[in-house]
C-alpha atoms as a PDB file:
ATOM      1  CA  UNK A   1     106.138  10.339 -16.782  1.00  0.00           C
ATOM      2  CA  UNK A   2     104.251  13.479 -16.252  1.00  0.00           C
ATOM      3  CA  UNK A   3     101.737  11.516 -13.981  1.00  0.00           C
ATOM      4  CA  UNK A   4     104.632  10.149 -11.825  1.00  0.00           C
ATOM      5  CA  UNK A   5     106.128  13.645 -11.561  1.00  0.00           C
ATOM      6  CA  UNK A   6     102.755  15.005 -10.265  1.00  0.00           C
ATOM      7  CA  UNK A   7     102.523  12.282  -7.732  1.00  0.00           C
ATOM      8  CA  UNK A   8     106.085  12.967  -6.409  1.00  0.00           C
ATOM      9  CA  UNK A   9     105.320  16.661  -6.202  1.00  0.00           C
ATOM     10  CA  UNK A  10     101.931  16.197  -4.331  1.00  0.00           C
ATOM     11  CA  UNK A  11     102.143  12.826  -2.443  1.00  0.00           C
ATOM     12  CA  UNK A  12      99.070  13.982  -0.165  1.00  0.00           C
ATOM     13  CA  UNK A  13      96.628  13.826  -3.100  1.00  0.00           C
ATOM     14  CA  UNK A  14      97.120   9.970  -3.260  1.00  0.00           C
ATOM     15  CA  UNK A  15      94.785   7.802  -0.943  1.00  0.00           C
ATOM     16  CA  UNK A  16      96.742   5.879   1.585  1.00  0.00           C
ATOM     17  CA  UNK A  17      96.912   2.128   1.090  1.00  0.00           C
ATOM     18  CA  UNK A  18      95.494  -0.121   3.693  1.00  0.00           C
ATOM     19  CA  UNK A  19      96.867  -3.557   3.806  1.00  0.00           C
ATOM     20  CA  UNK A  20      94.599  -6.586   4.255  1.00  0.00           C
ATOM     21  CA  UNK A  21      94.204  -7.643   7.912  1.00  0.00           C
ATOM     22  CA  UNK A  22      95.378  -4.294   9.351  1.00  0.00           C
ATOM     23  CA  UNK A  23      93.015  -1.899  10.936  1.00  0.00           C
ATOM     24  CA  UNK A  24      92.536   1.606   9.318  1.00  0.00           C
ATOM     25  CA  UNK A  25      94.481   4.614  10.485  1.00  0.00           C
ATOM     26  CA  UNK A  26      92.976   6.627  13.333  1.00  0.00           C
ATOM     27  CA  UNK A  27      92.560   9.651  11.339  1.00  0.00           C
ATOM     28  CA  UNK A  28      90.643   7.642   8.719  1.00  0.00           C
ATOM     29  CA  UNK A  29      88.389   6.253  11.514  1.00  0.00           C
ATOM     30  CA  UNK A  30      87.478   9.721  12.670  1.00  0.00           C
ATOM     31  CA  UNK A  31      86.071  10.633   9.225  1.00  0.00           C
ATOM     32  CA  UNK A  32      83.571   7.842   9.510  1.00  0.00           C
ATOM     33  CA  UNK A  33      79.941   9.061   9.708  1.00  0.00           C
ATOM     34  CA  UNK A  34      78.634   9.296  13.464  1.00  0.00           C
ATOM     35  CA  UNK A  35      76.317   6.567  14.620  1.00  0.00           C
ATOM     36  CA  UNK A  36      75.030   8.386  17.724  1.00  0.00           C
ATOM     37  CA  UNK A  37      71.602   9.488  16.474  1.00  0.00           C
ATOM     38  CA  UNK A  38      69.733   6.280  17.251  1.00  0.00           C
ATOM     39  CA  UNK A  39      66.246   6.618  18.804  1.00  0.00           C
ATOM     40  CA  UNK A  40      66.786   5.516  22.340  1.00  0.00           C
ATOM     41  CA  UNK A  41      62.985   4.630  23.218  1.00  0.00           C
ATOM     42  CA  UNK A  42      62.173   2.739  20.011  1.00  0.00           C
ATOM     43  CA  UNK A  43      63.058  -0.857  20.112  1.00  0.00           C
ATOM     44  CA  UNK A  44      65.943  -1.838  17.474  1.00  0.00           C
ATOM     45  CA  UNK A  45      63.933  -4.089  15.532  1.00  0.00           C
ATOM     46  CA  UNK A  46      61.366  -1.110  14.900  1.00  0.00           C
ATOM     47  CA  UNK A  47      64.300   1.027  13.464  1.00  0.00           C
ATOM     48  CA  UNK A  48      62.813   1.035  10.126  1.00  0.00           C
ATOM     49  CA  UNK A  49      62.463   4.025   7.777  1.00  0.00           C
ATOM     50  CA  UNK A  50      58.693   3.540   7.294  1.00  0.00           C
ATOM     51  CA  UNK A  51      58.050   3.642  10.973  1.00  0.00           C
ATOM     52  CA  UNK A  52      60.401   6.446  11.809  1.00  0.00           C
ATOM     53  CA  UNK A  53      59.027   8.440   8.984  1.00  0.00           C
ATOM     54  CA  UNK A  54      55.325   7.866  10.193  1.00  0.00           C
ATOM     55  CA  UNK A  55      56.530   8.992  13.743  1.00  0.00           C
ATOM     56  CA  UNK A  56      57.948  12.217  12.452  1.00  0.00           C
ATOM     57  CA  UNK A  57      54.930  13.204  10.169  1.00  0.00           C
ATOM     58  CA  UNK A  58      52.500  12.251  12.928  1.00  0.00           C
ATOM     59  CA  UNK A  59      54.354  14.638  15.357  1.00  0.00           C
ATOM     60  CA  UNK A  60      54.879  17.304  12.823  1.00  0.00           C
ATOM     61  CA  UNK A  61      51.032  17.333  11.575  1.00  0.00           C
ATOM     62  CA  UNK A  62      49.655  17.148  15.301  1.00  0.00           C
ATOM     63  CA  UNK A  63      51.840  19.994  16.267  1.00  0.00           C
ATOM     64  CA  UNK A  64      50.414  22.118  13.140  1.00  0.00           C
ATOM     65  CA  UNK A  65      46.772  21.080  14.108  1.00  0.00           C
ATOM     66  CA  UNK A  66      47.174  22.245  17.615  1.00  0.00           C
ATOM     67  CA  UNK A  67      49.129  25.484  16.883  1.00  0.00           C
ATOM     68  CA  UNK A  68      46.237  27.953  16.711  1.00  0.00           C
ATOM     69  CA  UNK A  69      44.346  26.414  19.759  1.00  0.00           C
ATOM     70  CA  UNK A  70      47.506  25.842  21.704  1.00  0.00           C
ATOM     71  CA  UNK A  71      48.251  29.500  21.384  1.00  0.00           C
ATOM     72  CA  UNK A  72      44.847  30.356  22.601  1.00  0.00           C
ATOM     73  CA  UNK A  73      44.868  27.938  25.547  1.00  0.00           C
ATOM     74  CA  UNK A  74      48.538  28.909  26.340  1.00  0.00           C
ATOM     75  CA  UNK A  75      47.745  32.639  26.482  1.00  0.00           C
ATOM     76  CA  UNK A  76      44.369  32.295  28.409  1.00  0.00           C
ATOM     77  CA  UNK A  77      46.184  29.645  30.766  1.00  0.00           C
ATOM     78  CA  UNK A  78      48.690  32.489  31.792  1.00  0.00           C
ATOM     79  CA  UNK A  79      45.720  34.897  32.417  1.00  0.00           C
ATOM     80  CA  UNK A  80      43.818  32.041  34.561  1.00  0.00           C
ATOM     81  CA  UNK A  81      47.007  31.182  36.458  1.00  0.00           C
ATOM     82  CA  UNK A  82      47.392  34.906  37.563  1.00  0.00           C
ATOM     83  CA  UNK A  83      43.640  35.710  38.162  1.00  0.00           C
ATOM     84  CA  UNK A  84      44.036  35.399  42.115  1.00  0.00           C
ATOM     85  CA  UNK A  85      47.446  35.580  43.641  1.00  0.00           C
ATOM     86  CA  UNK A  86      49.526  37.342  41.140  1.00  0.00           C
ATOM     87  CA  UNK A  87      46.904  39.346  39.435  1.00  0.00           C
ATOM     88  CA  UNK A  88      47.043  40.480  35.844  1.00  0.00           C
ATOM     89  CA  UNK A  89      44.699  42.991  34.876  1.00  0.00           C
ATOM     90  CA  UNK A  90      42.572  42.626  31.660  1.00  0.00           C
ATOM     91  CA  UNK A  91      39.811  40.424  31.984  1.00  0.00           C
ATOM     92  CA  UNK A  92      36.829  41.954  33.493  1.00  0.00           C
ATOM     93  CA  UNK A  93      33.067  41.860  33.699  1.00  0.00           C
ATOM     94  CA  UNK A  94      30.287  44.428  33.197  1.00  0.00           C
ATOM     95  CA  UNK A  95      27.641  43.710  35.983  1.00  0.00           C
ATOM     96  CA  UNK A  96      24.094  44.870  35.530  1.00  0.00           C
ATOM     97  CA  UNK A  97      21.144  44.171  37.922  1.00  0.00           C
ATOM     98  CA  UNK A  98      17.568  45.315  37.796  1.00  0.00           C
ATOM     99  CA  UNK A  99      13.870  44.145  38.543  1.00  0.00           C
ATOM    100  CA  UNK A 100      11.970  42.945  35.428  1.00  0.00           C
ATOM    101  CA  UNK A 101       8.185  43.341  35.601  1.00  0.00           C
ATOM    102  CA  UNK A 102       6.312  40.203  34.831  1.00  0.00           C
ATOM    103  CA  UNK A 103       3.274  39.988  32.582  1.00  0.00           C
ATOM    104  CA  UNK A 104      -0.092  38.716  33.768  1.00  0.00           C
ATOM    105  CA  UNK A 105      -0.895  35.915  34.379  1.00  0.00           C
ATOM    106  CA  UNK A 106       2.051  35.086  36.343  1.00  0.00           C
ATOM    107  CA  UNK A 107       4.310  32.056  35.402  1.00  0.00           C
ATOM    108  CA  UNK A 108       2.669  28.952  36.533  1.00  0.00           C
ATOM    109  CA  UNK A 109       6.016  27.144  37.263  1.00  0.00           C
ATOM    110  CA  UNK A 110       9.695  27.577  36.762  1.00  0.00           C
ATOM    111  CA  UNK A 111       9.861  26.101  33.195  1.00  0.00           C
ATOM    112  CA  UNK A 112       7.234  28.875  32.195  1.00  0.00           C
ATOM    113  CA  UNK A 113       9.427  31.575  33.775  1.00  0.00           C
ATOM    114  CA  UNK A 114      12.539  30.034  31.867  1.00  0.00           C
ATOM    115  CA  UNK A 115      10.755  30.349  28.627  1.00  0.00           C
ATOM    116  CA  UNK A 116       9.684  33.868  29.388  1.00  0.00           C
ATOM    117  CA  UNK A 117      13.185  34.952  30.138  1.00  0.00           C
ATOM    118  CA  UNK A 118      14.549  33.498  27.070  1.00  0.00           C
ATOM    119  CA  UNK A 119      12.149  35.213  24.902  1.00  0.00           C
ATOM    120  CA  UNK A 120      12.423  38.562  26.725  1.00  0.00           C
ATOM    121  CA  UNK A 121      16.226  38.582  27.095  1.00  0.00           C
ATOM    122  CA  UNK A 122      16.901  36.865  23.798  1.00  0.00           C
ATOM    123  CA  UNK A 123      18.817  34.130  25.155  1.00  0.00           C
ATOM    124  CA  UNK A 124      19.292  31.360  22.757  1.00  0.00           C
ATOM    125  CA  UNK A 125      19.649  28.312  24.893  1.00  0.00           C
ATOM    126  CA  UNK A 126      17.961  26.825  28.015  1.00  0.00           C
ATOM    127  CA  UNK A 127      19.060  27.393  31.433  1.00  0.00           C
ATOM    128  CA  UNK A 128      22.214  25.523  32.662  1.00  0.00           C
ATOM    129  CA  UNK A 129      20.798  25.328  36.094  1.00  0.00           C
ATOM    130  CA  UNK A 130      17.338  25.296  37.700  1.00  0.00           C
ATOM    131  CA  UNK A 131      16.512  25.392  41.544  1.00  0.00           C
ATOM    132  CA  UNK A 132      13.297  25.344  43.288  1.00  0.00           C
ATOM    133  CA  UNK A 133      13.384  26.168  47.105  1.00  0.00           C
ATOM    134  CA  UNK A 134      10.101  24.919  48.652  1.00  0.00           C
ATOM    135  CA  UNK A 135       7.862  27.349  50.872  1.00  0.00           C
ATOM    136  CA  UNK A 136       8.776  27.242  54.423  1.00  0.00           C
ATOM    137  CA  UNK A 137       9.360  28.980  57.607  1.00  0.00           C
ATOM    138  CA  UNK A 138      10.952  32.329  57.468  1.00  0.00           C
ATOM    139  CA  UNK A 139      14.179  33.338  59.406  1.00  0.00           C
ATOM    140  CA  UNK A 140      12.135  35.433  61.663  1.00  0.00           C
ATOM    141  CA  UNK A 141       9.183  33.979  63.767  1.00  0.00           C
ATOM    142  CA  UNK A 142       5.595  33.795  62.685  1.00  0.00           C
ATOM    143  CA  UNK A 143       6.386  34.450  58.912  1.00  0.00           C
ATOM    144  CA  UNK A 144       6.242  32.091  56.072  1.00  0.00           C
ATOM    145  CA  UNK A 145       8.375  32.527  53.001  1.00  0.00           C
ATOM    146  CA  UNK A 146       6.827  31.628  49.526  1.00  0.00           C
ATOM    147  CA  UNK A 147       8.572  29.203  47.201  1.00  0.00           C
ATOM    148  CA  UNK A 148      11.678  30.450  45.356  1.00  0.00           C
ATOM    149  CA  UNK A 149      12.762  29.828  41.883  1.00  0.00           C
ATOM    150  CA  UNK A 150      16.583  30.294  40.645  1.00  0.00           C
ATOM    151  CA  UNK A 151      17.590  30.159  36.979  1.00  0.00           C
ATOM    152  CA  UNK A 152      21.035  30.517  35.488  1.00  0.00           C
ATOM    153  CA  UNK A 153      21.817  31.045  31.736  1.00  0.00           C
ATOM    154  CA  UNK A 154      25.471  30.652  30.898  1.00  0.00           C
ATOM    155  CA  UNK A 155      26.934  31.224  27.407  1.00  0.00           C
ATOM    156  CA  UNK A 156      30.530  32.466  26.321  1.00  0.00           C
ATOM    157  CA  UNK A 157      29.201  35.894  25.739  1.00  0.00           C
ATOM    158  CA  UNK A 158      27.235  36.447  29.070  1.00  0.00           C
ATOM    159  CA  UNK A 159      25.943  34.938  32.392  1.00  0.00           C
ATOM    160  CA  UNK A 160      22.321  35.656  33.510  1.00  0.00           C
ATOM    161  CA  UNK A 161      21.072  34.844  36.855  1.00  0.00           C
ATOM    162  CA  UNK A 162      17.399  35.124  37.657  1.00  0.00           C
ATOM    163  CA  UNK A 163      15.826  35.107  41.289  1.00  0.00           C
ATOM    164  CA  UNK A 164      12.136  34.921  41.650  1.00  0.00           C
ATOM    165  CA  UNK A 165       9.746  34.699  44.727  1.00  0.00           C
ATOM    166  CA  UNK A 166       6.471  33.108  43.673  1.00  0.00           C
ATOM    167  CA  UNK A 167       3.691  35.495  43.701  1.00  0.00           C
ATOM    168  CA  UNK A 168       5.855  38.771  43.121  1.00  0.00           C
ATOM    169  CA  UNK A 169       5.100  40.735  40.060  1.00  0.00           C
ATOM    170  CA  UNK A 170       8.775  41.124  39.271  1.00  0.00           C
ATOM    171  CA  UNK A 171      11.840  38.884  39.076  1.00  0.00           C
ATOM    172  CA  UNK A 172      15.459  40.046  39.885  1.00  0.00           C
ATOM    173  CA  UNK A 173      17.913  39.825  37.175  1.00  0.00           C
ATOM    174  CA  UNK A 174      21.820  39.954  37.547  1.00  0.00           C
ATOM    175  CA  UNK A 175      23.736  39.841  34.148  1.00  0.00           C
ATOM    176  CA  UNK A 176      27.430  39.695  33.763  1.00  0.00           C
ATOM    177  CA  UNK A 177      29.000  40.628  30.256  1.00  0.00           C
ATOM    178  CA  UNK A 178      32.723  39.592  29.856  1.00  0.00           C
ATOM    179  CA  UNK A 179      35.127  41.698  27.945  1.00  0.00           C
ATOM    180  CA  UNK A 180      37.383  40.154  25.122  1.00  0.00           C
ATOM    181  CA  UNK A 181      39.880  38.607  27.363  1.00  0.00           C
ATOM    182  CA  UNK A 182      37.304  37.377  29.846  1.00  0.00           C
ATOM    183  CA  UNK A 183      35.409  35.643  26.974  1.00  0.00           C
ATOM    184  CA  UNK A 184      38.628  33.940  25.840  1.00  0.00           C
ATOM    185  CA  UNK A 185      39.129  32.614  29.321  1.00  0.00           C
ATOM    186  CA  UNK A 186      35.457  31.374  29.353  1.00  0.00           C
ATOM    187  CA  UNK A 187      36.306  29.453  26.101  1.00  0.00           C
ATOM    188  CA  UNK A 188      39.287  28.105  27.884  1.00  0.00           C
ATOM    189  CA  UNK A 189      37.039  26.583  30.785  1.00  0.00           C
ATOM    190  CA  UNK A 190      34.299  25.745  28.109  1.00  0.00           C
ATOM    191  CA  UNK A 191      31.904  27.961  30.142  1.00  0.00           C
ATOM    192  CA  UNK A 192      28.643  27.693  28.465  1.00  0.00           C
ATOM    193  CA  UNK A 193      30.266  26.272  25.435  1.00  0.00           C
ATOM    194  CA  UNK A 194      28.592  24.042  22.923  1.00  0.00           C
ATOM    195  CA  UNK A 195      29.208  20.371  22.362  1.00  0.00           C
ATOM    196  CA  UNK A 196      31.024  21.406  19.079  1.00  0.00           C
ATOM    197  CA  UNK A 197      33.601  23.318  20.993  1.00  0.00           C
ATOM    198  CA  UNK A 198      33.981  20.757  23.696  1.00  0.00           C
ATOM    199  CA  UNK A 199      34.553  18.184  20.928  1.00  0.00           C
ATOM    200  CA  UNK A 200      36.957  20.504  19.198  1.00  0.00           C
ATOM    201  CA  UNK A 201      39.109  21.089  22.424  1.00  0.00           C
ATOM    202  CA  UNK A 202      38.934  17.506  23.071  1.00  0.00           C
ATOM    203  CA  UNK A 203      41.043  16.918  19.860  1.00  0.00           C
ATOM    204  CA  UNK A 204      43.656  19.299  21.064  1.00  0.00           C
ATOM    205  CA  UNK A 205      43.871  17.243  24.094  1.00  0.00           C
ATOM    206  CA  UNK A 206      44.405  14.212  22.228  1.00  0.00           C
ATOM    207  CA  UNK A 207      47.034  15.911  19.980  1.00  0.00           C
ATOM    208  CA  UNK A 208      49.051  17.082  23.178  1.00  0.00           C
ATOM    209  CA  UNK A 209      48.977  13.355  24.445  1.00  0.00           C
ATOM    210  CA  UNK A 210      50.215  12.030  21.074  1.00  0.00           C
ATOM    211  CA  UNK A 211      52.801  14.798  20.779  1.00  0.00           C
ATOM    212  CA  UNK A 212      54.144  13.783  24.216  1.00  0.00           C
ATOM    213  CA  UNK A 213      54.333  10.032  23.134  1.00  0.00           C
ATOM    214  CA  UNK A 214      55.796  10.701  19.704  1.00  0.00           C
ATOM    215  CA  UNK A 215      58.172  13.307  21.057  1.00  0.00           C
ATOM    216  CA  UNK A 216      59.614  10.722  23.638  1.00  0.00           C
ATOM    217  CA  UNK A 217      59.991   8.146  20.998  1.00  0.00           C
ATOM    218  CA  UNK A 218      61.970  10.523  18.597  1.00  0.00           C
ATOM    219  CA  UNK A 219      64.445  11.168  21.233  1.00  0.00           C
ATOM    220  CA  UNK A 220      67.803  10.279  20.206  1.00  0.00           C
ATOM    221  CA  UNK A 221      71.331  10.076  21.516  1.00  0.00           C
ATOM    222  CA  UNK A 222      71.918  13.542  19.854  1.00  0.00           C
ATOM    223  CA  UNK A 223      70.001  14.982  22.631  1.00  0.00           C
ATOM    224  CA  UNK A 224      71.544  12.991  25.368  1.00  0.00           C
ATOM    225  CA  UNK A 225      71.492   9.625  27.063  1.00  0.00           C
ATOM    226  CA  UNK A 226      68.398   7.506  28.025  1.00  0.00           C
ATOM    227  CA  UNK A 227      69.207   8.112  31.741  1.00  0.00           C
ATOM    228  CA  UNK A 228      69.142  11.830  31.147  1.00  0.00           C
ATOM    229  CA  UNK A 229      65.752  11.829  29.570  1.00  0.00           C
ATOM    230  CA  UNK A 230      64.284   9.573  32.159  1.00  0.00           C
ATOM    231  CA  UNK A 231      65.850  11.843  34.833  1.00  0.00           C
ATOM    232  CA  UNK A 232      64.343  14.999  33.364  1.00  0.00           C
ATOM    233  CA  UNK A 233      60.857  13.440  32.816  1.00  0.00           C
ATOM    234  CA  UNK A 234      60.988  11.838  36.347  1.00  0.00           C
ATOM    235  CA  UNK A 235      62.075  15.095  38.159  1.00  0.00           C
ATOM    236  CA  UNK A 236      59.198  16.962  36.350  1.00  0.00           C
ATOM    237  CA  UNK A 237      56.754  14.263  37.411  1.00  0.00           C
ATOM    238  CA  UNK A 238      58.198  14.326  41.105  1.00  0.00           C
ATOM    239  CA  UNK A 239      57.912  18.207  41.242  1.00  0.00           C
ATOM    240  CA  UNK A 240      54.298  18.008  39.964  1.00  0.00           C
ATOM    241  CA  UNK A 241      53.241  15.402  42.508  1.00  0.00           C
ATOM    242  CA  UNK A 242      54.976  17.378  45.306  1.00  0.00           C
ATOM    243  CA  UNK A 243      53.205  20.535  44.300  1.00  0.00           C
ATOM    244  CA  UNK A 244      49.688  18.683  44.101  1.00  0.00           C
ATOM    245  CA  UNK A 245      50.059  16.906  47.341  1.00  0.00           C
ATOM    246  CA  UNK A 246      51.280  19.891  49.512  1.00  0.00           C
ATOM    247  CA  UNK A 247      49.333  22.560  47.915  1.00  0.00           C
ATOM    248  CA  UNK A 248      52.178  24.874  47.324  1.00  0.00           C
END
């Protein structure tokens, strides 16, 4: 009797009855969980928890791996974008030029000069460029110019250029020392970088490619329709092609 009286006093606490063969009440249908979160670019037969979990973990771990290097390349990319047209001050070089006396006997060839410069200037790697200009006619009549040797040593810390006319007792040296920001820019461009650094940055490039692919596969209806996603990507690609072909 007490239960019956509670039901009469609070009829809204009792779940409505649904007769067989009749659709549920619209209000009840609104309370159903939304099914609008499907992955638009993943085939339906691949909508398995294991695959989707693998995609999310791959996307997350690659993002974490590239976070530090991505910060470096993003910041230096902004500096490099503004190095000419819209200049941003900060990156600079200290230029030094002098004549270095050569010991006797004089270097027999460009390789001997290269070893001498490495030892004297304490450069820990061979030159990135060697150039030999043969002896020939000078710009003014009746004169011959000797053979000319040019060497270039490039590291992330410095750039050293050497210019030597065979037979002279000295070699012309020009050295450029970058400051901290300029050194970061040189790392961005792999200027004088070792094979280890190049391979490390290759992993970041691969991670960015994988992030683009996994991010596309993880796109869901919660973010918008497939047409909207394709339109956004197509607009970005079209804008990139226009800017690249017109030279804006």
